[in-house]
Protein backbone atom coordinates (compact mmCIF):
# COMPACT_ATOMS: atom_id res chain seq x y z
CA MET A 1 5.15 -4.01 -8.19
CA VAL A 2 2.13 -2.82 -10.07
CA GLY A 3 -0.59 -5.24 -10.66
CA ARG A 4 -3.94 -6.60 -9.65
CA LEU A 5 -4.70 -7.78 -6.07
CA THR A 6 -6.82 -10.52 -7.59
CA ALA A 7 -4.12 -11.80 -9.98
CA MET A 8 -0.55 -11.68 -8.81
CA ALA A 9 0.65 -13.93 -11.64
CA PRO A 10 4.31 -12.17 -11.72
CA LEU A 11 4.95 -13.47 -8.23
CA ALA A 12 5.70 -17.10 -7.63
CA GLY A 13 3.83 -19.02 -4.89
CA ALA A 14 5.31 -18.88 -1.38
CA SER A 15 7.71 -15.99 -2.49
CA VAL A 16 6.78 -13.16 -0.44
CA ASP A 17 7.60 -12.46 3.27
CA ALA A 18 5.10 -9.69 3.92
CA ILE A 19 2.28 -7.77 2.47
CA LEU A 20 1.09 -4.18 3.31
CA SER A 21 -2.20 -3.51 2.03
CA SER A 22 -3.31 0.04 2.73
CA ASP A 23 -6.82 0.88 1.64
CA ASN A 24 -6.82 -1.45 -1.24
CA LEU A 25 -9.38 -4.09 -0.29
CA LYS A 26 -12.13 -1.52 0.33
CA GLN A 27 -11.72 -0.57 -3.33
CA LEU A 28 -12.55 -4.06 -4.56
CA SER A 29 -16.09 -5.15 -5.09
CA ALA A 30 -17.55 -7.71 -2.57
CA HIS A 31 -17.10 -10.50 -4.93
CA ALA A 32 -13.42 -9.68 -5.71
CA VAL A 33 -12.25 -9.61 -1.99
CA PRO A 34 -12.04 -13.55 -1.68
CA PRO A 35 -9.88 -13.88 -4.78
CA ALA A 36 -7.67 -11.06 -3.50
CA LEU A 37 -7.23 -12.77 -0.27
CA SER A 38 -6.47 -16.11 -1.89
CA GLU A 39 -3.75 -14.48 -3.83
CA PHE A 40 -2.28 -13.07 -0.72
CA ARG A 41 -2.22 -16.59 0.70
CA ARG A 42 -0.82 -18.09 -2.57
CA VAL A 43 2.31 -15.79 -2.76
CA LEU A 44 2.97 -15.61 0.93
CA THR A 45 5.70 -17.77 2.68
CA PRO A 46 4.85 -19.95 5.57
CA ASN A 47 6.10 -17.39 8.12
CA ALA A 48 5.03 -14.20 6.41
CA ARG A 49 3.18 -11.26 7.79
CA VAL A 50 0.21 -9.35 6.48
CA HIS A 51 -0.75 -5.95 7.53
CA VAL A 52 -4.00 -4.62 6.33
CA VAL A 53 -4.89 -1.00 7.04
CA MET A 54 -8.20 0.51 6.22
CA THR A 55 -9.81 3.85 7.19
CA SER A 56 -13.05 5.67 6.75
CA LEU A 57 -11.16 9.06 6.82
CA LEU A 58 -11.27 9.73 3.16
CA ASP A 59 -10.41 13.44 2.88
CA THR A 60 -6.73 13.25 2.11
CA ALA A 61 -6.30 17.02 2.62
CA LEU A 62 -7.44 16.66 6.21
CA PHE A 63 -6.03 13.23 6.95
CA PRO A 64 -2.88 12.70 4.85
CA ALA A 65 -1.53 9.08 4.67
CA ALA A 66 1.68 10.16 6.43
CA SER A 67 -0.28 11.26 9.53
CA PHE A 68 -1.29 7.57 10.25
CA ALA A 69 2.27 6.18 10.41
CA ASP A 70 3.04 6.87 14.03
CA PRO A 71 -0.26 5.88 15.45
CA TYR A 72 -0.42 2.82 13.26
CA HIS A 73 3.07 1.58 14.49
CA SER A 74 2.12 2.36 18.07
CA ARG A 75 -1.11 0.32 17.84
CA TRP A 76 0.77 -2.46 16.13
CA ARG A 77 3.18 -2.90 19.05
CA VAL A 78 0.11 -3.07 21.31
CA GLU A 79 -1.51 -5.78 19.27
CA GLU A 80 1.64 -7.76 19.00
CA ALA A 81 1.95 -7.61 22.85
CA PHE A 82 -1.59 -8.83 23.14
CA ARG A 83 -0.97 -11.67 20.77
CA ARG A 84 2.08 -12.81 22.80
CA LEU A 85 0.19 -12.68 26.01
CA LYS A 86 -2.79 -14.60 24.61
CA ASN A 87 -0.49 -17.31 23.32
CA ARG A 88 1.30 -17.57 26.57
CA ILE A 89 -2.13 -18.20 28.47
CA ALA A 90 -3.59 -20.36 25.58
CA LEU A 91 -6.21 -17.84 24.53
CA GLU A 92 -5.06 -17.74 20.90
CA HIS A 93 -8.81 -17.74 19.47
CA THR A 94 -10.04 -15.06 21.89
CA PRO A 95 -10.67 -11.64 20.25
CA ALA A 96 -8.49 -8.79 21.47
C-alpha cells in the first residue's frame, strides 16, 4: 500500500495484524507524529504487532538497509525474551 502515515483511509479500522515502520516516523514533522501513531492504532487489530525501526546511520552506501536485517531480528528475539521474563515476574512497566 502506498499512502500517508497520517491518513490511512484505504484501511478499515482494526483490519491490520502488523505494521513495520522503517525510518518513516523520523521523516515526519513533530506535529505529524501523533496523528500517524493514531492511525496506527486505528487500523491495528487488538492483538496486532508494531515494529518501528529507526537509525541515525543515514549513508545508504556505507549502511545499506539489508545490512540491518540480521542484527535487528537477533535483537528482537532478545527483547521478546525480556518481555516474557518481565511478564512472569510482574515487572511489565519496568524499562528493559
